[in-house]
Each structure stands twice: as C-alpha cells, then as structure tokens.
Amino acid sequence: FLLCFNAHWEDIEVTLPPAEYGSRWAIVVDTAAGEVLTLTTV
C-alpha cells in the first residue's frame, strides 16, 4: 500500500514512487471524497 498524507491547506501534486515499488495502484480510500472501495471482496 501507499499512504499519501496531505495536511496542507492547499492541494499538492504528488508523484508516485518508481515502478520497483509497484507499477499500478488503485485508490481504495479517499478522505476528501469520503469513499472506501475495494479490489477484492471485503
């Protein structure tokens, strides 16, 4: 997993780590949108 924390009062552009850490990522929690999603049955 990646956890992206932004406690700043403005949006921040974040570059994801290089491919050796993972080539493709799904956003499963977004606190701004209030969404919790899942890749598998949870």
PDB file of all heavy atoms in Angstrom:
ATOM      1  N   PHE A   1       0.831  -1.202   0.000  1.00  0.00           N
ATOM      2  CA  PHE A   1       0.000   0.000   0.000  1.00  0.00           C
ATOM      3  C   PHE A   1       0.867   1.253   0.000  1.00  0.00           C
ATOM      4  O   PHE A   1       2.005   1.253   0.478  1.00  0.00           O
ATOM      5  CB  PHE A   1      -0.903   0.027   1.238  1.00  0.00           C
ATOM      6  CG  PHE A   1      -2.034  -0.959   1.191  1.00  0.00           C
ATOM      7  CD1 PHE A   1      -1.836  -2.276   1.577  1.00  0.00           C
ATOM      8  CD2 PHE A   1      -3.298  -0.579   0.761  1.00  0.00           C
ATOM      9  CE1 PHE A   1      -2.870  -3.193   1.537  1.00  0.00           C
ATOM     10  CE2 PHE A   1      -4.339  -1.487   0.728  1.00  0.00           C
ATOM     11  CZ  PHE A   1      -4.128  -2.801   1.111  1.00  0.00           C
ATOM     12  N   LEU A   2       0.297   2.319  -0.528  1.00  0.00           N
ATOM     13  CA  LEU A   2       0.835   3.666  -0.383  1.00  0.00           C
ATOM     14  C   LEU A   2      -0.155   4.490   0.419  1.00  0.00           C
ATOM     15  O   LEU A   2      -1.371   4.423   0.181  1.00  0.00           O
ATOM     16  CB  LEU A   2       1.049   4.334  -1.751  1.00  0.00           C
ATOM     17  CG  LEU A   2       2.131   3.779  -2.669  1.00  0.00           C
ATOM     18  CD1 LEU A   2       2.093   4.520  -4.007  1.00  0.00           C
ATOM     19  CD2 LEU A   2       3.506   3.923  -2.026  1.00  0.00           C
ATOM     20  N   LEU A   3       0.353   5.256   1.362  1.00  0.00           N
ATOM     21  CA  LEU A   3      -0.462   6.188   2.127  1.00  0.00           C
ATOM     22  C   LEU A   3       0.028   7.591   1.799  1.00  0.00           C
ATOM     23  O   LEU A   3       1.184   7.930   2.089  1.00  0.00           O
ATOM     24  CB  LEU A   3      -0.317   5.934   3.630  1.00  0.00           C
ATOM     25  CG  LEU A   3      -0.468   4.495   4.116  1.00  0.00           C
ATOM     26  CD1 LEU A   3      -0.214   4.420   5.619  1.00  0.00           C
ATOM     27  CD2 LEU A   3      -1.849   3.958   3.785  1.00  0.00           C
ATOM     28  N   CYS A   4      -0.833   8.400   1.196  1.00  0.00           N
ATOM     29  CA  CYS A   4      -0.463   9.758   0.811  1.00  0.00           C
ATOM     30  C   CYS A   4      -1.157  10.748   1.746  1.00  0.00           C
ATOM     31  O   CYS A   4      -2.381  10.921   1.671  1.00  0.00           O
ATOM     32  CB  CYS A   4      -0.861  10.042  -0.638  1.00  0.00           C
ATOM     33  SG  CYS A   4      -0.046   8.981  -1.844  1.00  0.00           S
ATOM     34  N   PHE A   5      -0.374  11.368   2.628  1.00  0.00           N
ATOM     35  CA  PHE A   5      -0.911  12.319   3.595  1.00  0.00           C
ATOM     36  C   PHE A   5      -0.667  13.740   3.110  1.00  0.00           C
ATOM     37  O   PHE A   5       0.469  14.091   2.768  1.00  0.00           O
ATOM     38  CB  PHE A   5      -0.213  12.144   4.955  1.00  0.00           C
ATOM     39  CG  PHE A   5      -0.463  10.832   5.621  1.00  0.00           C
ATOM     40  CD1 PHE A   5       0.357   9.736   5.380  1.00  0.00           C
ATOM     41  CD2 PHE A   5      -1.516  10.682   6.517  1.00  0.00           C
ATOM     42  CE1 PHE A   5       0.134   8.524   6.014  1.00  0.00           C
ATOM     43  CE2 PHE A   5      -1.746   9.475   7.157  1.00  0.00           C
ATOM     44  CZ  PHE A   5      -0.924   8.391   6.900  1.00  0.00           C
ATOM     45  N   ASN A   6      -1.701  14.557   3.124  1.00  0.00           N
ATOM     46  CA  ASN A   6      -1.553  15.980   2.824  1.00  0.00           C
ATOM     47  C   ASN A   6      -2.295  16.785   3.881  1.00  0.00           C
ATOM     48  O   ASN A   6      -3.519  16.918   3.838  1.00  0.00           O
ATOM     49  CB  ASN A   6      -2.100  16.323   1.433  1.00  0.00           C
ATOM     50  CG  ASN A   6      -1.969  17.815   1.126  1.00  0.00           C
ATOM     51  OD1 ASN A   6      -1.230  18.533   1.809  1.00  0.00           O
ATOM     52  ND2 ASN A   6      -2.675  18.269   0.107  1.00  0.00           N
ATOM     53  N   ALA A   7      -1.542  17.319   4.846  1.00  0.00           N
ATOM     54  CA  ALA A   7      -2.151  18.133   5.894  1.00  0.00           C
ATOM     55  C   ALA A   7      -2.113  19.613   5.557  1.00  0.00           C
ATOM     56  O   ALA A   7      -2.486  20.449   6.380  1.00  0.00           O
ATOM     57  CB  ALA A   7      -1.431  17.890   7.225  1.00  0.00           C
ATOM     58  N   HIS A   8      -1.672  19.943   4.340  1.00  0.00           N
ATOM     59  CA  HIS A   8      -1.595  21.336   3.909  1.00  0.00           C
ATOM     60  C   HIS A   8      -2.984  21.854   3.552  1.00  0.00           C
ATOM     61  O   HIS A   8      -3.894  21.084   3.230  1.00  0.00           O
ATOM     62  CB  HIS A   8      -0.673  21.447   2.697  1.00  0.00           C
ATOM     63  CG  HIS A   8      -0.250  22.834   2.377  1.00  0.00           C
ATOM     64  ND1 HIS A   8       0.211  23.710   3.326  1.00  0.00           N
ATOM     65  CD2 HIS A   8      -0.209  23.511   1.196  1.00  0.00           C
ATOM     66  CE1 HIS A   8       0.524  24.860   2.752  1.00  0.00           C
ATOM     67  NE2 HIS A   8       0.261  24.768   1.466  1.00  0.00           N
ATOM     68  N   TRP A   9      -3.143  23.187   3.618  1.00  0.00           N
ATOM     69  CA  TRP A   9      -4.458  23.780   3.321  1.00  0.00           C
ATOM     70  C   TRP A   9      -4.717  23.902   1.829  1.00  0.00           C
ATOM     71  O   TRP A   9      -5.798  24.303   1.401  1.00  0.00           O
ATOM     72  CB  TRP A   9      -4.590  25.139   3.997  1.00  0.00           C
ATOM     73  CG  TRP A   9      -3.542  26.153   3.623  1.00  0.00           C
ATOM     74  CD1 TRP A   9      -2.324  26.311   4.189  1.00  0.00           C
ATOM     75  CD2 TRP A   9      -3.631  27.145   2.601  1.00  0.00           C
ATOM     76  NE1 TRP A   9      -1.635  27.329   3.597  1.00  0.00           N
ATOM     77  CE2 TRP A   9      -2.423  27.871   2.626  1.00  0.00           C
ATOM     78  CE3 TRP A   9      -4.608  27.504   1.676  1.00  0.00           C
ATOM     79  CZ2 TRP A   9      -2.154  28.922   1.745  1.00  0.00           C
ATOM     80  CZ3 TRP A   9      -4.348  28.555   0.809  1.00  0.00           C
ATOM     81  CH2 TRP A   9      -3.145  29.247   0.842  1.00  0.00           C
ATOM     82  N   GLU A  10      -3.707  23.512   0.986  1.00  0.00           N
ATOM     83  CA  GLU A  10      -3.882  23.531  -0.464  1.00  0.00           C
ATOM     84  C   GLU A  10      -3.637  22.134  -1.034  1.00  0.00           C
ATOM     85  O   GLU A  10      -2.957  21.308  -0.423  1.00  0.00           O
ATOM     86  CB  GLU A  10      -2.886  24.501  -1.115  1.00  0.00           C
ATOM     87  CG  GLU A  10      -3.153  25.964  -0.827  1.00  0.00           C
ATOM     88  CD  GLU A  10      -2.143  26.862  -1.530  1.00  0.00           C
ATOM     89  OE1 GLU A  10      -0.962  26.450  -1.642  1.00  0.00           O
ATOM     90  OE2 GLU A  10      -2.533  27.963  -1.970  1.00  0.00           O
ATOM     91  N   ASP A  11      -4.205  21.887  -2.240  1.00  0.00           N
ATOM     92  CA  ASP A  11      -3.914  20.640  -2.936  1.00  0.00           C
ATOM     93  C   ASP A  11      -2.417  20.561  -3.224  1.00  0.00           C
ATOM     94  O   ASP A  11      -1.746  21.590  -3.413  1.00  0.00           O
ATOM     95  CB  ASP A  11      -4.666  20.572  -4.271  1.00  0.00           C
ATOM     96  CG  ASP A  11      -6.175  20.564  -4.095  1.00  0.00           C
ATOM     97  OD1 ASP A  11      -6.642  20.463  -2.946  1.00  0.00           O
ATOM     98  OD2 ASP A  11      -6.886  20.675  -5.116  1.00  0.00           O
ATOM     99  N   ILE A  12      -1.875  19.347  -3.262  1.00  0.00           N
ATOM    100  CA  ILE A  12      -0.461  19.143  -3.572  1.00  0.00           C
ATOM    101  C   ILE A  12      -0.338  18.068  -4.646  1.00  0.00           C
ATOM    102  O   ILE A  12      -1.008  17.031  -4.588  1.00  0.00           O
ATOM    103  CB  ILE A  12       0.339  18.744  -2.314  1.00  0.00           C
ATOM    104  CG1 ILE A  12       0.436  19.928  -1.345  1.00  0.00           C
ATOM    105  CG2 ILE A  12       1.738  18.249  -2.677  1.00  0.00           C
ATOM    106  CD1 ILE A  12       1.255  19.650  -0.101  1.00  0.00           C
ATOM    107  N   GLU A  13       0.513  18.352  -5.643  1.00  0.00           N
ATOM    108  CA  GLU A  13       0.795  17.374  -6.690  1.00  0.00           C
ATOM    109  C   GLU A  13       1.851  16.388  -6.173  1.00  0.00           C
ATOM    110  O   GLU A  13       2.950  16.785  -5.782  1.00  0.00           O
ATOM    111  CB  GLU A  13       1.302  18.072  -7.950  1.00  0.00           C
ATOM    112  CG  GLU A  13       0.307  19.049  -8.561  1.00  0.00           C
ATOM    113  CD  GLU A  13      -0.962  18.348  -9.010  1.00  0.00           C
ATOM    114  OE1 GLU A  13      -0.852  17.290  -9.670  1.00  0.00           O
ATOM    115  OE2 GLU A  13      -2.056  18.847  -8.695  1.00  0.00           O
ATOM    116  N   VAL A  14       1.497  15.124  -6.170  1.00  0.00           N
ATOM    117  CA  VAL A  14       2.376  14.089  -5.636  1.00  0.00           C
ATOM    118  C   VAL A  14       2.718  13.107  -6.741  1.00  0.00           C
ATOM    119  O   VAL A  14       1.819  12.572  -7.421  1.00  0.00           O
ATOM    120  CB  VAL A  14       1.709  13.354  -4.463  1.00  0.00           C
ATOM    121  CG1 VAL A  14       2.526  12.140  -4.052  1.00  0.00           C
ATOM    122  CG2 VAL A  14       1.533  14.304  -3.282  1.00  0.00           C
ATOM    123  N   THR A  15       4.013  12.875  -6.925  1.00  0.00           N
ATOM    124  CA  THR A  15       4.468  11.882  -7.897  1.00  0.00           C
ATOM    125  C   THR A  15       4.612  10.541  -7.196  1.00  0.00           C
ATOM    126  O   THR A  15       5.271  10.450  -6.143  1.00  0.00           O
ATOM    127  CB  THR A  15       5.807  12.296  -8.516  1.00  0.00           C
ATOM    128  OG1 THR A  15       5.656  13.562  -9.172  1.00  0.00           O
ATOM    129  CG2 THR A  15       6.281  11.247  -9.517  1.00  0.00           C
ATOM    130  N   LEU A  16       3.989   9.520  -7.768  1.00  0.00           N
ATOM    131  CA  LEU A  16       4.067   8.196  -7.152  1.00  0.00           C
ATOM    132  C   LEU A  16       5.470   7.622  -7.285  1.00  0.00           C
ATOM    133  O   LEU A  16       6.216   7.970  -8.219  1.00  0.00           O
ATOM    134  CB  LEU A  16       3.052   7.253  -7.787  1.00  0.00           C
ATOM    135  CG  LEU A  16       1.695   7.174  -7.080  1.00  0.00           C
ATOM    136  CD1 LEU A  16       0.998   8.527  -7.075  1.00  0.00           C
ATOM    137  CD2 LEU A  16       0.807   6.129  -7.733  1.00  0.00           C
ATOM    138  N   PRO A  17       5.884   6.737  -6.364  1.00  0.00           N
ATOM    139  CA  PRO A  17       7.225   6.150  -6.409  1.00  0.00           C
ATOM    140  C   PRO A  17       7.455   5.383  -7.711  1.00  0.00           C
ATOM    141  O   PRO A  17       6.506   5.018  -8.422  1.00  0.00           O
ATOM    142  CB  PRO A  17       7.226   5.202  -5.206  1.00  0.00           C
ATOM    143  CG  PRO A  17       6.163   5.713  -4.302  1.00  0.00           C
ATOM    144  CD  PRO A  17       5.105   6.274  -5.204  1.00  0.00           C
ATOM    145  N   PRO A  18       8.728   5.109  -8.029  1.00  0.00           N
ATOM    146  CA  PRO A  18       9.050   4.386  -9.270  1.00  0.00           C
ATOM    147  C   PRO A  18       8.521   2.952  -9.266  1.00  0.00           C
ATOM    148  O   PRO A  18       8.088   2.418  -8.250  1.00  0.00           O
ATOM    149  CB  PRO A  18      10.577   4.422  -9.307  1.00  0.00           C
ATOM    150  CG  PRO A  18      11.007   4.708  -7.899  1.00  0.00           C
ATOM    151  CD  PRO A  18       9.928   5.526  -7.298  1.00  0.00           C
ATOM    152  N   ALA A  19       8.611   2.309 -10.417  1.00  0.00           N
ATOM    153  CA  ALA A  19       7.935   1.036 -10.665  1.00  0.00           C
ATOM    154  C   ALA A  19       8.406  -0.101  -9.766  1.00  0.00           C
ATOM    155  O   ALA A  19       7.658  -1.061  -9.552  1.00  0.00           O
ATOM    156  CB  ALA A  19       8.112   0.640 -12.136  1.00  0.00           C
ATOM    157  N   GLU A  20       9.652  -0.035  -9.257  1.00  0.00           N
ATOM    158  CA  GLU A  20      10.088  -1.151  -8.409  1.00  0.00           C
ATOM    159  C   GLU A  20       9.241  -1.281  -7.145  1.00  0.00           C
ATOM    160  O   GLU A  20       9.223  -2.338  -6.505  1.00  0.00           O
ATOM    161  CB  GLU A  20      11.566  -1.023  -8.031  1.00  0.00           C
ATOM    162  CG  GLU A  20      11.936   0.221  -7.283  1.00  0.00           C
ATOM    163  CD  GLU A  20      12.549   1.267  -8.211  1.00  0.00           C
ATOM    164  OE1 GLU A  20      12.140   1.328  -9.388  1.00  0.00           O
ATOM    165  OE2 GLU A  20      13.440   2.005  -7.743  1.00  0.00           O
ATOM    166  N   TYR A  21       8.535  -0.236  -6.766  1.00  0.00           N
ATOM    167  CA  TYR A  21       7.643  -0.303  -5.613  1.00  0.00           C
ATOM    168  C   TYR A  21       6.236  -0.753  -6.006  1.00  0.00           C
ATOM    169  O   TYR A  21       5.437  -1.122  -5.154  1.00  0.00           O
ATOM    170  CB  TYR A  21       7.569   1.063  -4.924  1.00  0.00           C
ATOM    171  CG  TYR A  21       8.879   1.452  -4.286  1.00  0.00           C
ATOM    172  CD1 TYR A  21       9.814   2.222  -4.981  1.00  0.00           C
ATOM    173  CD2 TYR A  21       9.200   1.033  -3.002  1.00  0.00           C
ATOM    174  CE1 TYR A  21      11.027   2.564  -4.410  1.00  0.00           C
ATOM    175  CE2 TYR A  21      10.411   1.373  -2.418  1.00  0.00           C
ATOM    176  CZ  TYR A  21      11.322   2.131  -3.125  1.00  0.00           C
ATOM    177  OH  TYR A  21      12.525   2.461  -2.555  1.00  0.00           O
ATOM    178  N   GLY A  22       5.962  -0.734  -7.294  1.00  0.00           N
ATOM    179  CA  GLY A  22       4.652  -1.120  -7.792  1.00  0.00           C
ATOM    180  C   GLY A  22       4.334  -0.319  -9.039  1.00  0.00           C
ATOM    181  O   GLY A  22       4.489   0.914  -9.046  1.00  0.00           O
ATOM    182  N   SER A  23       3.886  -1.008 -10.074  1.00  0.00           N
ATOM    183  CA  SER A  23       3.675  -0.298 -11.339  1.00  0.00           C
ATOM    184  C   SER A  23       2.273   0.278 -11.468  1.00  0.00           C
ATOM    185  O   SER A  23       2.049   1.201 -12.251  1.00  0.00           O
ATOM    186  CB  SER A  23       3.941  -1.249 -12.508  1.00  0.00           C
ATOM    187  OG  SER A  23       3.061  -2.368 -12.441  1.00  0.00           O
ATOM    188  N   ARG A  24       1.326  -0.249 -10.728  1.00  0.00           N
ATOM    189  CA  ARG A  24      -0.048   0.220 -10.871  1.00  0.00           C
ATOM    190  C   ARG A  24      -0.738   0.190  -9.504  1.00  0.00           C
ATOM    191  O   ARG A  24      -0.622  -0.781  -8.759  1.00  0.00           O
ATOM    192  CB  ARG A  24      -0.812  -0.665 -11.866  1.00  0.00           C
ATOM    193  CG  ARG A  24      -2.177  -0.142 -12.254  1.00  0.00           C
ATOM    194  CD  ARG A  24      -2.797  -1.043 -13.324  1.00  0.00           C
ATOM    195  NE  ARG A  24      -4.086  -0.546 -13.755  1.00  0.00           N
ATOM    196  CZ  ARG A  24      -4.261   0.366 -14.719  1.00  0.00           C
ATOM    197  NH1 ARG A  24      -3.204   0.860 -15.345  1.00  0.00           N
ATOM    198  NH2 ARG A  24      -5.464   0.778 -15.060  1.00  0.00           N
ATOM    199  N   TRP A  25      -1.460   1.262  -9.207  1.00  0.00           N
ATOM    200  CA  TRP A  25      -2.063   1.424  -7.884  1.00  0.00           C
ATOM    201  C   TRP A  25      -3.535   1.804  -8.010  1.00  0.00           C
ATOM    202  O   TRP A  25      -3.911   2.582  -8.884  1.00  0.00           O
ATOM    203  CB  TRP A  25      -1.335   2.512  -7.095  1.00  0.00           C
ATOM    204  CG  TRP A  25       0.117   2.216  -6.873  1.00  0.00           C
ATOM    205  CD1 TRP A  25       1.153   2.527  -7.699  1.00  0.00           C
ATOM    206  CD2 TRP A  25       0.676   1.526  -5.756  1.00  0.00           C
ATOM    207  NE1 TRP A  25       2.333   2.082  -7.171  1.00  0.00           N
ATOM    208  CE2 TRP A  25       2.070   1.468  -5.977  1.00  0.00           C
ATOM    209  CE3 TRP A  25       0.145   0.968  -4.600  1.00  0.00           C
ATOM    210  CZ2 TRP A  25       2.939   0.860  -5.076  1.00  0.00           C
ATOM    211  CZ3 TRP A  25       1.004   0.367  -3.700  1.00  0.00           C
ATOM    212  CH2 TRP A  25       2.389   0.314  -3.940  1.00  0.00           C
ATOM    213  N   ALA A  26      -4.335   1.238  -7.117  1.00  0.00           N
ATOM    214  CA  ALA A  26      -5.761   1.567  -7.066  1.00  0.00           C
ATOM    215  C   ALA A  26      -6.030   2.410  -5.829  1.00  0.00           C
ATOM    216  O   ALA A  26      -5.544   2.102  -4.741  1.00  0.00           O
ATOM    217  CB  ALA A  26      -6.606   0.298  -7.028  1.00  0.00           C
ATOM    218  N   ILE A  27      -6.800   3.473  -5.982  1.00  0.00           N
ATOM    219  CA  ILE A  27      -7.151   4.336  -4.854  1.00  0.00           C
ATOM    220  C   ILE A  27      -8.343   3.709  -4.130  1.00  0.00           C
ATOM    221  O   ILE A  27      -9.470   3.728  -4.620  1.00  0.00           O
ATOM    222  CB  ILE A  27      -7.495   5.758  -5.325  1.00  0.00           C
ATOM    223  CG1 ILE A  27      -6.304   6.380  -6.065  1.00  0.00           C
ATOM    224  CG2 ILE A  27      -7.896   6.627  -4.124  1.00  0.00           C
ATOM    225  CD1 ILE A  27      -6.594   7.739  -6.671  1.00  0.00           C
ATOM    226  N   VAL A  28      -8.096   3.154  -2.944  1.00  0.00           N
ATOM    227  CA  VAL A  28      -9.154   2.445  -2.223  1.00  0.00           C
ATOM    228  C   VAL A  28      -9.762   3.280  -1.091  1.00  0.00           C
ATOM    229  O   VAL A  28     -10.853   2.968  -0.611  1.00  0.00           O
ATOM    230  CB  VAL A  28      -8.640   1.089  -1.672  1.00  0.00           C
ATOM    231  CG1 VAL A  28      -8.324   0.142  -2.831  1.00  0.00           C
ATOM    232  CG2 VAL A  28      -7.427   1.270  -0.771  1.00  0.00           C
ATOM    233  N   VAL A  29      -9.046   4.312  -0.637  1.00  0.00           N
ATOM    234  CA  VAL A  29      -9.609   5.228   0.349  1.00  0.00           C
ATOM    235  C   VAL A  29      -9.271   6.648  -0.077  1.00  0.00           C
ATOM    236  O   VAL A  29      -8.113   6.950  -0.386  1.00  0.00           O
ATOM    237  CB  VAL A  29      -9.064   4.983   1.771  1.00  0.00           C
ATOM    238  CG1 VAL A  29      -9.666   6.000   2.753  1.00  0.00           C
ATOM    239  CG2 VAL A  29      -9.351   3.568   2.237  1.00  0.00           C
ATOM    240  N   ASP A  30     -10.286   7.495  -0.088  1.00  0.00           N
ATOM    241  CA  ASP A  30     -10.111   8.909  -0.418  1.00  0.00           C
ATOM    242  C   ASP A  30     -10.903   9.699   0.613  1.00  0.00           C
ATOM    243  O   ASP A  30     -12.133   9.752   0.565  1.00  0.00           O
ATOM    244  CB  ASP A  30     -10.618   9.190  -1.833  1.00  0.00           C
ATOM    245  CG  ASP A  30     -10.437  10.642  -2.252  1.00  0.00           C
ATOM    246  OD1 ASP A  30     -10.155  11.486  -1.384  1.00  0.00           O
ATOM    247  OD2 ASP A  30     -10.600  10.936  -3.452  1.00  0.00           O
ATOM    248  N   THR A  31     -10.205  10.305   1.580  1.00  0.00           N
ATOM    249  CA  THR A  31     -10.931  11.001   2.649  1.00  0.00           C
ATOM    250  C   THR A  31     -11.573  12.292   2.160  1.00  0.00           C
ATOM    251  O   THR A  31     -12.515  12.784   2.788  1.00  0.00           O
ATOM    252  CB  THR A  31     -10.004  11.312   3.843  1.00  0.00           C
ATOM    253  OG1 THR A  31      -8.973  12.209   3.431  1.00  0.00           O
ATOM    254  CG2 THR A  31      -9.404  10.037   4.409  1.00  0.00           C
ATOM    255  N   ALA A  32     -11.070  12.864   1.079  1.00  0.00           N
ATOM    256  CA  ALA A  32     -11.701  14.068   0.540  1.00  0.00           C
ATOM    257  C   ALA A  32     -13.066  13.733  -0.048  1.00  0.00           C
ATOM    258  O   ALA A  32     -14.054  14.445   0.167  1.00  0.00           O
ATOM    259  CB  ALA A  32     -10.808  14.710  -0.517  1.00  0.00           C
ATOM    260  N   ALA A  33     -13.129  12.633  -0.792  1.00  0.00           N
ATOM    261  CA  ALA A  33     -14.395  12.210  -1.396  1.00  0.00           C
ATOM    262  C   ALA A  33     -15.256  11.416  -0.424  1.00  0.00           C
ATOM    263  O   ALA A  33     -16.456  11.218  -0.665  1.00  0.00           O
ATOM    264  CB  ALA A  33     -14.116  11.365  -2.642  1.00  0.00           C
ATOM    265  N   GLY A  34     -14.654  10.932   0.663  1.00  0.00           N
ATOM    266  CA  GLY A  34     -15.405  10.127   1.624  1.00  0.00           C
ATOM    267  C   GLY A  34     -15.701   8.740   1.114  1.00  0.00           C
ATOM    268  O   GLY A  34     -16.747   8.162   1.445  1.00  0.00           O
ATOM    269  N   GLU A  35     -14.764   8.170   0.318  1.00  0.00           N
ATOM    270  CA  GLU A  35     -15.009   6.868  -0.307  1.00  0.00           C
ATOM    271  C   GLU A  35     -14.041   5.810   0.218  1.00  0.00           C
ATOM    272  O   GLU A  35     -12.854   6.076   0.411  1.00  0.00           O
ATOM    273  CB  GLU A  35     -14.848   6.969  -1.830  1.00  0.00           C
ATOM    274  CG  GLU A  35     -15.910   7.819  -2.508  1.00  0.00           C
ATOM    275  CD  GLU A  35     -15.716   7.885  -4.010  1.00  0.00           C
ATOM    276  OE1 GLU A  35     -14.591   7.604  -4.479  1.00  0.00           O
ATOM    277  OE2 GLU A  35     -16.696   8.218  -4.717  1.00  0.00           O
ATOM    278  N   VAL A  36     -14.576   4.620   0.425  1.00  0.00           N
ATOM    279  CA  VAL A  36     -13.773   3.433   0.694  1.00  0.00           C
ATOM    280  C   VAL A  36     -14.208   2.388  -0.313  1.00  0.00           C
ATOM    281  O   VAL A  36     -15.371   1.972  -0.328  1.00  0.00           O
ATOM    282  CB  VAL A  36     -13.962   2.903   2.125  1.00  0.00           C
ATOM    283  CG1 VAL A  36     -13.064   1.695   2.369  1.00  0.00           C
ATOM    284  CG2 VAL A  36     -13.670   3.989   3.144  1.00  0.00           C
ATOM    285  N   LEU A  37     -13.275   1.974  -1.174  1.00  0.00           N
ATOM    286  CA  LEU A  37     -13.576   0.992  -2.216  1.00  0.00           C
ATOM    287  C   LEU A  37     -12.707  -0.236  -1.983  1.00  0.00           C
ATOM    288  O   LEU A  37     -11.921  -0.292  -1.038  1.00  0.00           O
ATOM    289  CB  LEU A  37     -13.321   1.603  -3.596  1.00  0.00           C
ATOM    290  CG  LEU A  37     -14.031   2.936  -3.867  1.00  0.00           C
ATOM    291  CD1 LEU A  37     -13.594   3.522  -5.201  1.00  0.00           C
ATOM    292  CD2 LEU A  37     -15.538   2.767  -3.830  1.00  0.00           C
ATOM    293  N   THR A  38     -12.813  -1.210  -2.837  1.00  0.00           N
ATOM    294  CA  THR A  38     -12.038  -2.434  -2.625  1.00  0.00           C
ATOM    295  C   THR A  38     -11.734  -3.120  -3.941  1.00  0.00           C
ATOM    296  O   THR A  38     -12.519  -3.059  -4.892  1.00  0.00           O
ATOM    297  CB  THR A  38     -12.789  -3.414  -1.703  1.00  0.00           C
ATOM    298  OG1 THR A  38     -11.984  -4.578  -1.517  1.00  0.00           O
ATOM    299  CG2 THR A  38     -14.130  -3.819  -2.263  1.00  0.00           C
ATOM    300  N   LEU A  39     -10.557  -3.750  -3.975  1.00  0.00           N
ATOM    301  CA  LEU A  39     -10.181  -4.564  -5.134  1.00  0.00           C
ATOM    302  C   LEU A  39     -10.754  -5.967  -5.028  1.00  0.00           C
ATOM    303  O   LEU A  39     -10.988  -6.633  -6.022  1.00  0.00           O
ATOM    304  CB  LEU A  39      -8.654  -4.659  -5.227  1.00  0.00           C
ATOM    305  CG  LEU A  39      -7.899  -3.397  -5.666  1.00  0.00           C
ATOM    306  CD1 LEU A  39      -6.409  -3.625  -5.518  1.00  0.00           C
ATOM    307  CD2 LEU A  39      -8.238  -3.037  -7.090  1.00  0.00           C
ATOM    308  N   THR A  40     -10.945  -6.423  -3.803  1.00  0.00           N
ATOM    309  CA  THR A  40     -11.446  -7.771  -3.570  1.00  0.00           C
ATOM    310  C   THR A  40     -12.667  -7.688  -2.679  1.00  0.00           C
ATOM    311  O   THR A  40     -13.053  -6.631  -2.198  1.00  0.00           O
ATOM    312  CB  THR A  40     -10.362  -8.635  -2.902  1.00  0.00           C
ATOM    313  OG1 THR A  40      -9.937  -8.004  -1.703  1.00  0.00           O
ATOM    314  CG2 THR A  40      -9.163  -8.808  -3.816  1.00  0.00           C
ATOM    315  N   THR A  41     -13.277  -8.818  -2.426  1.00  0.00           N
ATOM    316  CA  THR A  41     -14.462  -8.842  -1.571  1.00  0.00           C
ATOM    317  C   THR A  41     -14.053  -8.656  -0.120  1.00  0.00           C
ATOM    318  O   THR A  41     -13.359  -9.485   0.462  1.00  0.00           O
ATOM    319  CB  THR A  41     -15.210 -10.176  -1.737  1.00  0.00           C
ATOM    320  OG1 THR A  41     -15.587 -10.334  -3.112  1.00  0.00           O
ATOM    321  CG2 THR A  41     -16.448 -10.186  -0.872  1.00  0.00           C
ATOM    322  N   VAL A  42     -14.468  -7.528   0.443  1.00  0.00           N
ATOM    323  CA  VAL A  42     -14.209  -7.220   1.844  1.00  0.00           C
ATOM    324  C   VAL A  42     -15.543  -6.873   2.482  1.00  0.00           C
ATOM    325  O   VAL A  42     -16.199  -5.919   2.069  1.00  0.00           O
ATOM    326  CB  VAL A  42     -13.228  -6.037   1.997  1.00  0.00           C
ATOM    327  CG1 VAL A  42     -13.067  -5.673   3.462  1.00  0.00           C
ATOM    328  CG2 VAL A  42     -11.878  -6.374   1.379  1.00  0.00           C
TER     329      VAL A  42
END
